[in-house]
């Protein structure tokens, strides 16, 4: 990578190191109830091979997908650019006696091993080179599958999604709810990210295909949306949740 790109990665790493301490306090970042975990397990299990399989979780954060998938019986290697995020993930996996290997690494510096699945959640938007990174993942799962868990937000929203999102933001403001992060990305990071403003599902499908992953499929995770919506406080519940979906390919 260029020096400018390396500087961007360093800035991104610093942001998430600072964000790690409060990250799990937000339901959208990490499930807060047994019912939310149950909804996520129900959504993820049909999208994975029969357990046990070898799974690489990229941009694993504090371990949301890692813990869910390892709990379904899979052997998970989890990587994240943030040392603080990885430390929290490793502590959870150890406490729950899960088969997890946790590594600090950039998203395009994946272990040169063979995996049955490469997965990530809410990561593509913060990649400086999304297509190149997806190609790197393809190289370590040439006969495996890609699993991306995403939400529709920002520039990827339809008109109706945008109206509901505005309502949710207003409701959260009125309730003085926490924003979810310690800060926002500064402009030097945003300018380096092709999809910092959001990514529509249609564009994500095209991106995945260009990176060499075959036959992408989309599925809206309505069971997850249903349970997340039930956890929302009033009046935010009136506006529902962001659309949540999975893309898998390969």
Protein backbone atom coordinates (compact mmCIF):
# COMPACT_ATOMS: atom_id res chain seq x y z
CA UNK A 1 0.00 0.00 0.00
CA UNK A 2 1.05 3.61 -0.44
CA UNK A 3 2.20 5.68 2.53
CA UNK A 4 -1.07 7.61 2.35
CA UNK A 5 -3.02 4.37 2.54
CA UNK A 6 -0.87 3.20 5.44
CA UNK A 7 -1.59 6.45 7.25
CA UNK A 8 -5.31 5.89 6.68
CA UNK A 9 -5.07 2.41 8.20
CA UNK A 10 -3.24 3.84 11.22
CA UNK A 11 -5.98 6.44 11.70
CA UNK A 12 -8.68 3.79 11.40
CA UNK A 13 -6.85 1.60 13.91
CA UNK A 14 -6.63 4.49 16.36
CA UNK A 15 -10.33 5.24 16.02
CA UNK A 16 -11.41 1.69 16.83
CA UNK A 17 -8.89 1.31 19.66
CA UNK A 18 -10.52 4.37 21.24
CA UNK A 19 -14.02 3.07 20.49
CA UNK A 20 -13.51 -0.42 21.95
CA UNK A 21 -14.26 0.39 25.60
CA UNK A 22 -17.88 1.42 25.00
CA UNK A 23 -18.60 -0.53 21.83
CA UNK A 24 -20.56 -3.42 23.35
CA UNK A 25 -22.98 -1.15 25.20
CA UNK A 26 -24.99 -0.58 22.00
CA UNK A 27 -27.45 -3.31 20.97
CA UNK A 28 -26.70 -2.82 17.29
CA UNK A 29 -23.03 -3.56 17.97
CA UNK A 30 -23.41 -6.58 20.24
CA UNK A 31 -26.58 -8.51 21.19
CA UNK A 32 -27.88 -7.53 24.62
CA UNK A 33 -30.43 -10.29 25.33
CA UNK A 34 -30.71 -14.09 24.93
CA UNK A 35 -33.54 -13.53 22.43
CA UNK A 36 -31.30 -11.37 20.21
CA UNK A 37 -28.62 -14.07 20.26
CA UNK A 38 -31.24 -16.67 19.38
CA UNK A 39 -32.45 -14.59 16.42
CA UNK A 40 -28.92 -14.18 15.11
CA UNK A 41 -28.10 -17.87 15.49
CA UNK A 42 -31.30 -18.73 13.62
CA UNK A 43 -30.30 -16.38 10.79
CA UNK A 44 -26.66 -17.44 10.53
CA UNK A 45 -26.85 -21.22 10.85
CA UNK A 46 -28.55 -21.86 7.44
CA UNK A 47 -25.93 -19.68 5.71
CA UNK A 48 -22.97 -21.71 6.99
CA UNK A 49 -21.66 -25.17 6.06
CA UNK A 50 -22.36 -28.05 8.38
CA UNK A 51 -20.32 -27.67 11.58
CA UNK A 52 -17.50 -27.96 12.20
CA UNK A 53 -15.98 -25.85 9.44
CA UNK A 54 -13.04 -23.44 9.34
CA UNK A 55 -14.27 -19.85 9.41
CA UNK A 56 -12.34 -16.59 9.07
CA UNK A 57 -14.06 -13.56 10.62
CA UNK A 58 -12.53 -10.35 9.24
CA UNK A 59 -13.02 -7.05 11.03
CA UNK A 60 -14.31 -9.10 13.91
CA UNK A 61 -14.45 -6.21 16.38
CA UNK A 62 -15.31 -7.33 19.89
CA UNK A 63 -16.47 -10.70 18.60
CA UNK A 64 -20.15 -10.55 17.68
CA UNK A 65 -20.07 -12.90 14.66
CA UNK A 66 -17.15 -14.85 16.09
CA UNK A 67 -18.97 -15.74 19.30
CA UNK A 68 -22.21 -16.58 17.49
CA UNK A 69 -20.57 -18.80 14.87
CA UNK A 70 -18.12 -20.49 17.26
CA UNK A 71 -21.11 -21.20 19.49
CA UNK A 72 -22.67 -23.09 16.58
CA UNK A 73 -19.69 -25.45 16.57
CA UNK A 74 -17.35 -23.88 14.02
CA UNK A 75 -13.59 -23.28 14.37
CA UNK A 76 -13.16 -19.51 13.99
CA UNK A 77 -10.08 -17.42 13.30
CA UNK A 78 -10.91 -13.78 14.04
CA UNK A 79 -8.87 -10.79 12.88
CA UNK A 80 -9.26 -7.07 13.47
CA UNK A 81 -7.04 -4.06 12.90
CA UNK A 82 -7.66 -2.84 16.48
CA UNK A 83 -5.59 -4.33 19.28
CA UNK A 84 -8.19 -3.24 21.85
CA UNK A 85 -11.05 -4.89 19.95
CA UNK A 86 -9.07 -8.13 19.60
CA UNK A 87 -8.28 -8.17 23.31
CA UNK A 88 -11.97 -7.98 24.20
CA UNK A 89 -12.85 -10.65 21.66
CA UNK A 90 -10.18 -13.02 22.98
CA UNK A 91 -11.37 -12.55 26.57
CA UNK A 92 -14.95 -13.45 25.60
CA UNK A 93 -13.89 -16.53 23.66
CA UNK A 94 -11.73 -17.71 26.55
CA UNK A 95 -14.49 -17.16 29.11
CA UNK A 96 -16.93 -19.17 26.99
CA UNK A 97 -14.35 -21.86 26.09
CA UNK A 98 -14.92 -21.37 22.37
CA UNK A 99 -12.64 -22.61 19.58
CA UNK A 100 -11.35 -19.19 18.50
CA UNK A 101 -7.97 -17.85 17.38
CA UNK A 102 -7.76 -14.05 17.68
CA UNK A 103 -5.22 -12.06 15.64
CA UNK A 104 -4.56 -8.34 15.19
CA UNK A 105 -4.22 -7.71 11.46
CA UNK A 106 -5.51 -5.56 8.63
CA UNK A 107 -8.48 -6.81 6.63
CA UNK A 108 -6.31 -7.41 3.55
CA UNK A 109 -3.63 -9.25 5.52
CA UNK A 110 -5.48 -12.50 6.15
CA UNK A 111 -3.73 -15.68 7.33
CA UNK A 112 -2.32 -17.70 4.43
CA UNK A 113 -4.35 -20.75 5.30
CA UNK A 114 -7.44 -22.39 3.82
CA UNK A 115 -10.91 -21.58 5.11
CA UNK A 116 -14.38 -22.88 4.34
CA UNK A 117 -15.97 -19.47 5.01
CA UNK A 118 -14.76 -15.87 5.08
CA UNK A 119 -17.27 -13.64 6.84
CA UNK A 120 -17.58 -10.07 8.02
CA UNK A 121 -20.19 -7.70 9.39
CA UNK A 122 -20.43 -3.98 8.64
CA UNK A 123 -16.85 -3.83 7.37
CA UNK A 124 -16.95 -3.06 3.64
CA UNK A 125 -17.82 0.62 4.17
CA UNK A 126 -14.56 1.23 6.07
CA UNK A 127 -12.17 -0.50 3.63
CA UNK A 128 -9.87 1.77 1.58
CA UNK A 129 -9.67 -0.91 -1.14
CA UNK A 130 -12.84 -3.03 -0.90
CA UNK A 131 -12.36 -4.96 -4.15
CA UNK A 132 -8.72 -5.77 -3.44
CA UNK A 133 -9.60 -6.91 0.06
CA UNK A 134 -12.39 -9.17 -1.20
CA UNK A 135 -9.91 -10.69 -3.67
CA UNK A 136 -7.51 -11.40 -0.81
CA UNK A 137 -10.30 -13.22 1.00
CA UNK A 138 -11.09 -15.24 -2.13
CA UNK A 139 -7.49 -16.44 -2.22
CA UNK A 140 -7.78 -18.12 1.20
CA UNK A 141 -11.19 -19.68 0.45
CA UNK A 142 -10.91 -20.74 -3.22
CA UNK A 143 -13.53 -23.45 -2.73
CA UNK A 144 -15.28 -21.81 0.18
CA UNK A 145 -17.92 -19.16 0.60
CA UNK A 146 -18.19 -15.49 1.43
CA UNK A 147 -20.71 -14.32 4.02
CA UNK A 148 -21.33 -10.61 4.49
CA UNK A 149 -23.82 -9.35 7.08
CA UNK A 150 -24.87 -5.80 6.28
CA UNK A 151 -27.42 -3.07 7.03
CA UNK A 152 -28.95 -0.54 4.66
CA UNK A 153 -27.99 3.00 5.66
CA UNK A 154 -26.73 6.29 4.27
CA UNK A 155 -26.44 6.42 0.49
CA UNK A 156 -27.71 2.83 0.22
CA UNK A 157 -31.18 3.71 1.49
CA UNK A 158 -34.40 3.90 -0.46
CA UNK A 159 -36.70 6.90 0.06
CA UNK A 160 -38.82 5.00 2.60
CA UNK A 161 -35.69 3.76 4.42
CA UNK A 162 -34.46 7.36 4.60
CA UNK A 163 -37.72 8.62 6.14
CA UNK A 164 -37.69 5.91 8.80
CA UNK A 165 -34.01 6.54 9.54
CA UNK A 166 -34.75 10.23 10.10
CA UNK A 167 -37.52 9.26 12.50
CA UNK A 168 -35.22 6.95 14.44
CA UNK A 169 -32.55 9.63 14.74
CA UNK A 170 -35.09 12.16 15.98
CA UNK A 171 -36.47 9.71 18.54
CA UNK A 172 -32.98 8.92 19.81
CA UNK A 173 -32.14 12.60 20.08
CA UNK A 174 -35.30 13.31 22.06
CA UNK A 175 -34.48 10.41 24.38
CA UNK A 176 -30.85 11.54 24.70
CA UNK A 177 -29.78 8.04 23.68
CA UNK A 178 -26.05 7.33 23.20
CA UNK A 179 -24.80 7.80 19.65
CA UNK A 180 -22.99 4.47 19.45
CA UNK A 181 -19.41 5.70 18.99
CA UNK A 182 -17.00 7.92 20.88
CA UNK A 183 -16.63 10.18 17.80
CA UNK A 184 -17.00 10.26 14.01
CA UNK A 185 -14.34 9.50 11.40
CA UNK A 186 -12.45 12.67 10.50
CA UNK A 187 -12.45 13.89 6.91
CA UNK A 188 -8.98 12.52 6.19
CA UNK A 189 -10.36 9.00 6.70
CA UNK A 190 -13.68 9.58 4.95
CA UNK A 191 -11.98 10.85 1.78
CA UNK A 192 -9.99 7.62 1.54
CA UNK A 193 -13.01 5.29 1.76
CA UNK A 194 -15.05 4.62 -1.41
CA UNK A 195 -18.16 3.65 0.54
CA UNK A 196 -17.92 5.80 3.65
CA UNK A 197 -21.40 7.17 2.94
CA UNK A 198 -23.04 3.74 2.75
CA UNK A 199 -23.38 1.01 0.17
CA UNK A 200 -26.58 -0.14 -1.55
CA UNK A 201 -27.13 -3.92 -1.80
CA UNK A 202 -27.10 -3.66 -5.61
CA UNK A 203 -23.61 -2.15 -5.58
CA UNK A 204 -22.38 -4.68 -3.04
CA UNK A 205 -23.44 -7.53 -5.34
CA UNK A 206 -21.51 -5.94 -8.21
CA UNK A 207 -18.44 -5.42 -6.01
CA UNK A 208 -18.44 -9.04 -4.84
CA UNK A 209 -18.71 -10.31 -8.42
CA UNK A 210 -15.85 -8.10 -9.63
CA UNK A 211 -13.70 -9.54 -6.84
CA UNK A 212 -14.21 -13.05 -8.21
CA UNK A 213 -16.88 -14.48 -5.92
CA UNK A 214 -19.43 -16.48 -7.89
CA UNK A 215 -23.22 -16.57 -7.74
CA UNK A 216 -23.95 -14.05 -4.97
CA UNK A 217 -27.27 -14.41 -3.14
CA UNK A 218 -29.14 -11.93 -0.97
CA UNK A 219 -31.45 -12.60 1.95
CA UNK A 220 -33.13 -10.10 4.21
CA UNK A 221 -32.77 -11.20 7.84
CA UNK A 222 -36.35 -10.52 8.89
CA UNK A 223 -36.12 -12.64 12.03
CA UNK A 224 -33.25 -10.49 13.28
CA UNK A 225 -35.11 -7.27 12.39
CA UNK A 226 -38.20 -8.54 14.22
CA UNK A 227 -36.31 -9.22 17.44
CA UNK A 228 -34.22 -6.04 17.26
CA UNK A 229 -37.43 -4.06 16.77
CA UNK A 230 -38.97 -5.63 19.86
CA UNK A 231 -36.01 -4.39 21.92
CA UNK A 232 -36.36 -0.74 20.81
CA UNK A 233 -37.75 1.80 23.27
CA UNK A 234 -40.74 3.97 22.46
CA UNK A 235 -41.07 6.07 20.37
CA UNK A 236 -38.12 4.71 18.35
CA UNK A 237 -40.01 1.44 17.94
CA UNK A 238 -42.54 3.26 15.74
CA UNK A 239 -39.90 3.61 13.01
CA UNK A 240 -38.59 0.04 13.09
CA UNK A 241 -34.99 -0.99 12.52
CA UNK A 242 -32.55 -0.56 9.68
CA UNK A 243 -32.98 -3.28 7.03
CA UNK A 244 -30.55 -6.11 7.81
CA UNK A 245 -29.44 -8.58 5.15
CA UNK A 246 -26.87 -11.21 4.28
CA UNK A 247 -24.97 -11.68 1.06
CA UNK A 248 -23.29 -15.00 0.46
CA UNK A 249 -21.38 -16.27 -2.56
CA UNK A 250 -19.02 -18.97 -3.71
